[in-house]
Amino acid sequence: MSEEPGAPGAEPPASPPELSPGVRAQLLATEHWSLLASRSTTQGEVLTRISMFLTFTSASLLSVALVGQATQFSEAFRAFALTVLSIDLVVGLLTHIRVMSVGMEDLMYVLAMNRLRAAYVDMDPTIGPYLMAGFHDDEEGAKRTYYFLGARKDFSQVAGSSMVFMGFVNSALLALLLGTALLTAGLPTMLAVPVAVVVALAFFGTSLARGHRRYLEVWKNNPPISPTAR
């Protein structure tokens, strides 16, 4: 009978052979290229989604204008406009959700590649000064990868992001939809317009707060293994 592992007299399990630095570097490089390809595919997909949304919205708003002229802005036109704007807003919200998800996925890929660069530096510390991208898997390392040239300008980076862009466009669509609905219900313009603007601003602020909360959760739930030296 063969002796069970851990039983008295049993031989200890053989430790796995230690890989050479060349093999380790090859394995890390393979994973690095896989992450780069996944990041590129994800970015291309979300940019296509945004382009499709903008094309769809532009075409639908043009159709609303043409139908308005043909129907002399009758009651039927208002029903048509509400329907089209509702569809535009739903498509915009779905695109916005995807854009926010891709933002988190992109940060995930950046942290994963930073961790691989940390492994490169562990194998050969002399290459550290030549890496412009970050090689620490914490917030400071991620900011270094997103912007190599000095301190990252958080406000300009966030303000110019796809997430803020989609939030603004959806806020405008929400204001148009709500304002049209209130006018159709008989509310005066002086009341309908401020209500629509306030709701749109509240939606925009909520989307920003939600994105910021998800960003903070990344650092709360993913402790780094190669933090930046303080």
C-alpha atoms as a PDB file:
ATOM      1  CA  MET A   1       0.000   0.000   0.000  1.00  0.00           C
ATOM      2  CA  SER A   2       1.210   3.469  -0.814  1.00  0.00           C
ATOM      3  CA  GLU A   3       1.644   5.804   2.102  1.00  0.00           C
ATOM      4  CA  GLU A   4      -0.727   8.755   2.306  1.00  0.00           C
ATOM      5  CA  PRO A   5       0.759  12.264   2.210  1.00  0.00           C
ATOM      6  CA  GLY A   6       1.415  13.509   5.709  1.00  0.00           C
ATOM      7  CA  ALA A   7       1.409  10.010   7.228  1.00  0.00           C
ATOM      8  CA  PRO A   8       4.376   8.938   9.385  1.00  0.00           C
ATOM      9  CA  GLY A   9       7.211   7.849   7.157  1.00  0.00           C
ATOM     10  CA  ALA A  10       5.736   9.450   4.037  1.00  0.00           C
ATOM     11  CA  GLU A  11       8.085  11.452   1.868  1.00  0.00           C
ATOM     12  CA  PRO A  12       7.342  15.226   1.751  1.00  0.00           C
ATOM     13  CA  PRO A  13       5.909  16.424  -1.564  1.00  0.00           C
ATOM     14  CA  ALA A  14       8.505  17.675  -3.955  1.00  0.00           C
ATOM     15  CA  SER A  15       8.661  21.452  -4.242  1.00  0.00           C
ATOM     16  CA  PRO A  16       8.045  22.848  -7.717  1.00  0.00           C
ATOM     17  CA  PRO A  17      11.226  23.616  -9.630  1.00  0.00           C
ATOM     18  CA  GLU A  18      12.333  27.238  -9.525  1.00  0.00           C
ATOM     19  CA  LEU A  19      11.956  28.943 -12.880  1.00  0.00           C
ATOM     20  CA  SER A  20      14.819  30.777 -14.468  1.00  0.00           C
ATOM     21  CA  PRO A  21      14.609  34.587 -14.755  1.00  0.00           C
ATOM     22  CA  GLY A  22      14.212  34.259 -18.521  1.00  0.00           C
ATOM     23  CA  VAL A  23      11.178  31.988 -18.224  1.00  0.00           C
ATOM     24  CA  ARG A  24       9.609  34.223 -15.567  1.00  0.00           C
ATOM     25  CA  ALA A  25      10.097  37.269 -17.777  1.00  0.00           C
ATOM     26  CA  GLN A  26       8.506  35.439 -20.709  1.00  0.00           C
ATOM     27  CA  LEU A  27       5.462  34.454 -18.645  1.00  0.00           C
ATOM     28  CA  LEU A  28       5.036  37.995 -17.343  1.00  0.00           C
ATOM     29  CA  ALA A  29       5.390  39.457 -20.843  1.00  0.00           C
ATOM     30  CA  THR A  30       2.735  37.073 -22.192  1.00  0.00           C
ATOM     31  CA  GLU A  31       0.293  38.198 -19.510  1.00  0.00           C
ATOM     32  CA  HIS A  32       1.229  41.826 -20.180  1.00  0.00           C
ATOM     33  CA  TRP A  33       0.396  41.533 -23.880  1.00  0.00           C
ATOM     34  CA  SER A  34      -2.875  39.792 -23.028  1.00  0.00           C
ATOM     35  CA  LEU A  35      -3.878  42.700 -20.780  1.00  0.00           C
ATOM     36  CA  LEU A  36      -2.904  45.231 -23.442  1.00  0.00           C
ATOM     37  CA  ALA A  37      -5.042  43.465 -26.043  1.00  0.00           C
ATOM     38  CA  SER A  38      -8.016  43.256 -23.672  1.00  0.00           C
ATOM     39  CA  ARG A  39      -7.690  46.942 -22.776  1.00  0.00           C
ATOM     40  CA  SER A  40      -7.513  47.970 -26.429  1.00  0.00           C
ATOM     41  CA  THR A  41     -10.558  45.868 -27.317  1.00  0.00           C
ATOM     42  CA  THR A  42     -12.583  47.306 -24.452  1.00  0.00           C
ATOM     43  CA  GLN A  43     -11.694  50.896 -25.338  1.00  0.00           C
ATOM     44  CA  GLY A  44     -12.577  50.330 -28.985  1.00  0.00           C
ATOM     45  CA  GLU A  45     -15.914  48.788 -28.031  1.00  0.00           C
ATOM     46  CA  VAL A  46     -17.008  51.663 -25.799  1.00  0.00           C
ATOM     47  CA  LEU A  47     -15.969  54.318 -28.336  1.00  0.00           C
ATOM     48  CA  THR A  48     -18.084  52.510 -30.928  1.00  0.00           C
ATOM     49  CA  ARG A  49     -21.021  52.461 -28.501  1.00  0.00           C
ATOM     50  CA  ILE A  50     -20.711  56.216 -27.932  1.00  0.00           C
ATOM     51  CA  SER A  51     -20.529  56.888 -31.671  1.00  0.00           C
ATOM     52  CA  MET A  52     -23.616  54.738 -32.287  1.00  0.00           C
ATOM     53  CA  PHE A  53     -25.510  56.572 -29.551  1.00  0.00           C
ATOM     54  CA  LEU A  54     -24.620  60.012 -30.914  1.00  0.00           C
ATOM     55  CA  THR A  55     -25.570  58.976 -34.447  1.00  0.00           C
ATOM     56  CA  PHE A  56     -28.883  57.554 -33.245  1.00  0.00           C
ATOM     57  CA  THR A  57     -29.660  60.648 -31.176  1.00  0.00           C
ATOM     58  CA  SER A  58     -28.784  63.048 -33.999  1.00  0.00           C
ATOM     59  CA  ALA A  59     -30.975  61.163 -36.460  1.00  0.00           C
ATOM     60  CA  SER A  60     -33.905  60.957 -34.035  1.00  0.00           C
ATOM     61  CA  LEU A  61     -33.790  64.671 -33.182  1.00  0.00           C
ATOM     62  CA  LEU A  62     -33.690  65.488 -36.878  1.00  0.00           C
ATOM     63  CA  SER A  63     -36.767  63.321 -37.407  1.00  0.00           C
ATOM     64  CA  VAL A  64     -38.534  65.169 -34.580  1.00  0.00           C
ATOM     65  CA  ALA A  65     -37.837  68.498 -36.286  1.00  0.00           C
ATOM     66  CA  LEU A  66     -39.100  67.227 -39.653  1.00  0.00           C
ATOM     67  CA  VAL A  67     -42.261  65.740 -38.136  1.00  0.00           C
ATOM     68  CA  GLY A  68     -42.885  68.985 -36.251  1.00  0.00           C
ATOM     69  CA  GLN A  69     -42.790  70.982 -39.447  1.00  0.00           C
ATOM     70  CA  ALA A  70     -45.037  68.482 -41.250  1.00  0.00           C
ATOM     71  CA  THR A  71     -47.654  68.373 -38.460  1.00  0.00           C
ATOM     72  CA  GLN A  72     -47.491  72.074 -37.540  1.00  0.00           C
ATOM     73  CA  PHE A  73     -46.477  71.014 -33.999  1.00  0.00           C
ATOM     74  CA  SER A  74     -49.874  69.501 -33.252  1.00  0.00           C
ATOM     75  CA  GLU A  75     -50.847  67.179 -30.376  1.00  0.00           C
ATOM     76  CA  ALA A  76     -49.696  64.215 -32.437  1.00  0.00           C
ATOM     77  CA  PHE A  77     -46.258  65.812 -32.747  1.00  0.00           C
ATOM     78  CA  ARG A  78     -45.940  66.116 -28.963  1.00  0.00           C
ATOM     79  CA  ALA A  79     -46.722  62.434 -28.511  1.00  0.00           C
ATOM     80  CA  PHE A  80     -44.160  61.577 -31.192  1.00  0.00           C
ATOM     81  CA  ALA A  81     -41.525  63.825 -29.609  1.00  0.00           C
ATOM     82  CA  LEU A  82     -42.069  62.306 -26.159  1.00  0.00           C
ATOM     83  CA  THR A  83     -41.725  58.798 -27.576  1.00  0.00           C
ATOM     84  CA  VAL A  84     -38.529  59.568 -29.477  1.00  0.00           C
ATOM     85  CA  LEU A  85     -36.927  61.432 -26.557  1.00  0.00           C
ATOM     86  CA  SER A  86     -37.800  58.568 -24.195  1.00  0.00           C
ATOM     87  CA  ILE A  87     -36.092  56.079 -26.497  1.00  0.00           C
ATOM     88  CA  ASP A  88     -33.059  58.364 -26.816  1.00  0.00           C
ATOM     89  CA  LEU A  89     -32.790  58.679 -23.045  1.00  0.00           C
ATOM     90  CA  VAL A  90     -33.024  54.921 -22.480  1.00  0.00           C
ATOM     91  CA  VAL A  91     -30.303  54.284 -25.066  1.00  0.00           C
ATOM     92  CA  GLY A  92     -28.219  57.042 -23.502  1.00  0.00           C
ATOM     93  CA  LEU A  93     -28.563  55.614 -19.998  1.00  0.00           C
ATOM     94  CA  LEU A  94     -27.545  52.151 -21.191  1.00  0.00           C
ATOM     95  CA  THR A  95     -24.528  53.656 -22.947  1.00  0.00           C
ATOM     96  CA  HIS A  96     -23.690  55.659 -19.819  1.00  0.00           C
ATOM     97  CA  ILE A  97     -23.738  52.505 -17.695  1.00  0.00           C
ATOM     98  CA  ARG A  98     -21.369  50.800 -20.119  1.00  0.00           C
ATOM     99  CA  VAL A  99     -19.042  53.806 -20.178  1.00  0.00           C
ATOM    100  CA  MET A 100     -18.801  53.785 -16.375  1.00  0.00           C
ATOM    101  CA  SER A 101     -18.145  50.044 -16.365  1.00  0.00           C
ATOM    102  CA  VAL A 102     -15.395  50.430 -18.956  1.00  0.00           C
ATOM    103  CA  GLY A 103     -13.821  53.175 -16.878  1.00  0.00           C
ATOM    104  CA  MET A 104     -13.504  50.746 -13.976  1.00  0.00           C
ATOM    105  CA  GLU A 105     -12.300  47.981 -16.300  1.00  0.00           C
ATOM    106  CA  ASP A 106      -9.617  50.282 -17.709  1.00  0.00           C
ATOM    107  CA  LEU A 107      -8.414  51.046 -14.189  1.00  0.00           C
ATOM    108  CA  MET A 108      -8.372  47.291 -13.548  1.00  0.00           C
ATOM    109  CA  TYR A 109      -6.098  46.707 -16.551  1.00  0.00           C
ATOM    110  CA  VAL A 110      -3.819  49.586 -15.533  1.00  0.00           C
ATOM    111  CA  LEU A 111      -3.369  48.188 -12.022  1.00  0.00           C
ATOM    112  CA  ALA A 112      -2.737  44.694 -13.360  1.00  0.00           C
ATOM    113  CA  MET A 113      -0.040  45.953 -15.733  1.00  0.00           C
ATOM    114  CA  ASN A 114       1.508  48.082 -12.996  1.00  0.00           C
ATOM    115  CA  ARG A 115       1.772  44.959 -10.865  1.00  0.00           C
ATOM    116  CA  LEU A 116       3.550  43.160 -13.711  1.00  0.00           C
ATOM    117  CA  ARG A 117       5.993  46.058 -14.071  1.00  0.00           C
ATOM    118  CA  ALA A 118       6.694  45.749 -10.354  1.00  0.00           C
ATOM    119  CA  ALA A 119       7.669  42.134 -11.020  1.00  0.00           C
ATOM    120  CA  TYR A 120      10.014  43.289 -13.808  1.00  0.00           C
ATOM    121  CA  VAL A 121      11.651  45.739 -11.418  1.00  0.00           C
ATOM    122  CA  ASP A 122      11.980  43.007  -8.771  1.00  0.00           C
ATOM    123  CA  MET A 123      13.855  40.856 -11.281  1.00  0.00           C
ATOM    124  CA  ASP A 124      16.064  43.726 -12.440  1.00  0.00           C
ATOM    125  CA  PRO A 125      15.964  46.882 -10.270  1.00  0.00           C
ATOM    126  CA  THR A 126      18.136  48.777 -12.762  1.00  0.00           C
ATOM    127  CA  ILE A 127      15.242  49.098 -15.275  1.00  0.00           C
ATOM    128  CA  GLY A 128      13.083  51.116 -12.861  1.00  0.00           C
ATOM    129  CA  PRO A 129      14.374  54.569 -13.932  1.00  0.00           C
ATOM    130  CA  TYR A 130      13.593  53.763 -17.575  1.00  0.00           C
ATOM    131  CA  LEU A 131       9.910  52.976 -17.017  1.00  0.00           C
ATOM    132  CA  MET A 132       7.765  56.070 -17.587  1.00  0.00           C
ATOM    133  CA  ALA A 133       4.563  54.184 -16.728  1.00  0.00           C
ATOM    134  CA  GLY A 134       3.943  53.411 -13.067  1.00  0.00           C
ATOM    135  CA  PHE A 135       5.101  50.161 -11.488  1.00  0.00           C
ATOM    136  CA  HIS A 136       3.130  50.408  -8.234  1.00  0.00           C
ATOM    137  CA  ASP A 137      -0.391  48.962  -7.990  1.00  0.00           C
ATOM    138  CA  ASP A 138      -1.855  51.741  -5.843  1.00  0.00           C
ATOM    139  CA  GLU A 139      -3.569  55.039  -6.638  1.00  0.00           C
ATOM    140  CA  GLU A 140      -0.327  56.950  -7.110  1.00  0.00           C
ATOM    141  CA  GLY A 141       0.983  54.276  -9.457  1.00  0.00           C
ATOM    142  CA  ALA A 142      -2.229  54.344 -11.497  1.00  0.00           C
ATOM    143  CA  LYS A 143      -2.057  58.147 -11.814  1.00  0.00           C
ATOM    144  CA  ARG A 144       1.537  57.834 -13.037  1.00  0.00           C
ATOM    145  CA  THR A 145       0.470  55.383 -15.745  1.00  0.00           C
ATOM    146  CA  TYR A 146      -2.439  57.569 -16.869  1.00  0.00           C
ATOM    147  CA  TYR A 147      -0.201  60.653 -17.089  1.00  0.00           C
ATOM    148  CA  PHE A 148       3.576  60.339 -17.345  1.00  0.00           C
ATOM    149  CA  LEU A 149       4.518  64.022 -17.465  1.00  0.00           C
ATOM    150  CA  GLY A 150       4.546  65.211 -13.889  1.00  0.00           C
ATOM    151  CA  ALA A 151       1.572  65.559 -11.552  1.00  0.00           C
ATOM    152  CA  ARG A 152      -1.746  64.385 -12.961  1.00  0.00           C
ATOM    153  CA  LYS A 153      -4.379  67.119 -13.304  1.00  0.00           C
ATOM    154  CA  ASP A 154      -7.343  65.333 -11.725  1.00  0.00           C
ATOM    155  CA  PHE A 155      -9.953  67.977 -12.591  1.00  0.00           C
ATOM    156  CA  SER A 156      -9.084  68.232 -16.281  1.00  0.00           C
ATOM    157  CA  GLN A 157      -8.778  64.458 -16.619  1.00  0.00           C
ATOM    158  CA  VAL A 158     -12.184  63.866 -15.050  1.00  0.00           C
ATOM    159  CA  ALA A 159     -13.882  66.779 -16.829  1.00  0.00           C
ATOM    160  CA  GLY A 160     -12.705  65.494 -20.201  1.00  0.00           C
ATOM    161  CA  SER A 161     -13.643  61.864 -19.551  1.00  0.00           C
ATOM    162  CA  SER A 162     -16.241  59.893 -21.477  1.00  0.00           C
ATOM    163  CA  MET A 163     -18.204  59.378 -18.257  1.00  0.00           C
ATOM    164  CA  VAL A 164     -18.706  63.130 -17.746  1.00  0.00           C
ATOM    165  CA  PHE A 165     -19.508  63.575 -21.432  1.00  0.00           C
ATOM    166  CA  MET A 166     -22.226  60.912 -21.347  1.00  0.00           C
ATOM    167  CA  GLY A 167     -23.596  62.305 -18.083  1.00  0.00           C
ATOM    168  CA  PHE A 168     -23.928  65.755 -19.631  1.00  0.00           C
ATOM    169  CA  VAL A 169     -25.605  64.480 -22.806  1.00  0.00           C
ATOM    170  CA  ASN A 170     -28.065  62.360 -20.825  1.00  0.00           C
ATOM    171  CA  SER A 171     -28.813  65.308 -18.549  1.00  0.00           C
ATOM    172  CA  ALA A 172     -29.674  67.411 -21.602  1.00  0.00           C
ATOM    173  CA  LEU A 173     -31.912  64.648 -22.969  1.00  0.00           C
ATOM    174  CA  LEU A 174     -33.616  64.327 -19.589  1.00  0.00           C
ATOM    175  CA  ALA A 175     -34.254  68.075 -19.494  1.00  0.00           C
ATOM    176  CA  LEU A 176     -35.741  68.010 -23.004  1.00  0.00           C
ATOM    177  CA  LEU A 177     -37.944  65.027 -22.200  1.00  0.00           C
ATOM    178  CA  LEU A 178     -39.170  66.358 -18.863  1.00  0.00           C
ATOM    179  CA  GLY A 179     -39.713  69.877 -20.186  1.00  0.00           C
ATOM    180  CA  THR A 180     -41.725  68.549 -23.135  1.00  0.00           C
ATOM    181  CA  ALA A 181     -43.792  66.339 -20.840  1.00  0.00           C
ATOM    182  CA  LEU A 182     -44.557  69.216 -18.465  1.00  0.00           C
ATOM    183  CA  LEU A 183     -45.543  71.528 -21.315  1.00  0.00           C
ATOM    184  CA  THR A 184     -47.769  68.812 -22.759  1.00  0.00           C
ATOM    185  CA  ALA A 185     -49.405  68.429 -19.335  1.00  0.00           C
ATOM    186  CA  GLY A 186     -50.299  72.130 -19.397  1.00  0.00           C
ATOM    187  CA  LEU A 187     -47.689  73.667 -17.091  1.00  0.00           C
ATOM    188  CA  PRO A 188     -46.564  77.182 -18.044  1.00  0.00           C
ATOM    189  CA  THR A 189     -43.142  77.588 -19.647  1.00  0.00           C
ATOM    190  CA  MET A 190     -41.850  79.692 -16.730  1.00  0.00           C
ATOM    191  CA  LEU A 191     -42.410  76.697 -14.421  1.00  0.00           C
ATOM    192  CA  ALA A 192     -41.665  73.779 -16.742  1.00  0.00           C
ATOM    193  CA  VAL A 193     -38.214  75.002 -17.809  1.00  0.00           C
ATOM    194  CA  PRO A 194     -36.755  75.562 -14.280  1.00  0.00           C
ATOM    195  CA  VAL A 195     -38.084  72.196 -13.081  1.00  0.00           C
ATOM    196  CA  ALA A 196     -36.515  70.406 -16.059  1.00  0.00           C
ATOM    197  CA  VAL A 197     -33.175  72.173 -15.523  1.00  0.00           C
ATOM    198  CA  VAL A 198     -33.076  71.376 -11.798  1.00  0.00           C
ATOM    199  CA  VAL A 199     -33.845  67.695 -12.387  1.00  0.00           C
ATOM    200  CA  ALA A 200     -31.175  67.516 -15.106  1.00  0.00           C
ATOM    201  CA  LEU A 201     -28.569  69.096 -12.817  1.00  0.00           C
ATOM    202  CA  ALA A 202     -29.507  66.688 -10.028  1.00  0.00           C
ATOM    203  CA  PHE A 203     -29.077  63.751 -12.396  1.00  0.00           C
ATOM    204  CA  PHE A 204     -25.693  65.059 -13.545  1.00  0.00           C
ATOM    205  CA  GLY A 205     -24.481  65.513  -9.975  1.00  0.00           C
ATOM    206  CA  THR A 206     -25.722  62.059  -9.000  1.00  0.00           C
ATOM    207  CA  SER A 207     -23.875  60.429 -11.892  1.00  0.00           C
ATOM    208  CA  LEU A 208     -20.642  62.164 -10.888  1.00  0.00           C
ATOM    209  CA  ALA A 209     -21.056  61.124  -7.246  1.00  0.00           C
ATOM    210  CA  ARG A 210     -21.757  57.535  -8.265  1.00  0.00           C
ATOM    211  CA  GLY A 211     -18.655  57.416 -10.445  1.00  0.00           C
ATOM    212  CA  HIS A 212     -16.514  58.872  -7.647  1.00  0.00           C
ATOM    213  CA  ARG A 213     -17.899  56.333  -5.170  1.00  0.00           C
ATOM    214  CA  ARG A 214     -17.040  53.436  -7.469  1.00  0.00           C
ATOM    215  CA  TYR A 215     -13.526  54.862  -7.880  1.00  0.00           C
ATOM    216  CA  LEU A 216     -12.995  55.011  -4.118  1.00  0.00           C
ATOM    217  CA  GLU A 217     -14.296  51.450  -3.724  1.00  0.00           C
ATOM    218  CA  VAL A 218     -11.482  50.225  -5.977  1.00  0.00           C
ATOM    219  CA  TRP A 219      -8.823  51.319  -3.494  1.00  0.00           C
ATOM    220  CA  LYS A 220     -10.857  50.124  -0.520  1.00  0.00           C
ATOM    221  CA  ASN A 221     -11.357  46.586  -1.870  1.00  0.00           C
ATOM    222  CA  ASN A 222      -7.989  46.051  -3.601  1.00  0.00           C
ATOM    223  CA  PRO A 223      -5.027  46.532  -1.261  1.00  0.00           C
ATOM    224  CA  PRO A 224      -1.760  46.932  -3.215  1.00  0.00           C
ATOM    225  CA  ILE A 225       1.097  44.441  -3.009  1.00  0.00           C
ATOM    226  CA  SER A 226       3.664  46.912  -4.374  1.00  0.00           C
ATOM    227  CA  PRO A 227       2.678  50.320  -2.940  1.00  0.00           C
ATOM    228  CA  THR A 228       4.477  53.543  -3.727  1.00  0.00           C
ATOM    229  CA  ALA A 229       7.234  54.354  -1.258  1.00  0.00           C
ATOM    230  CA  ARG A 230       6.272  57.235   1.039  1.00  0.00           C
END
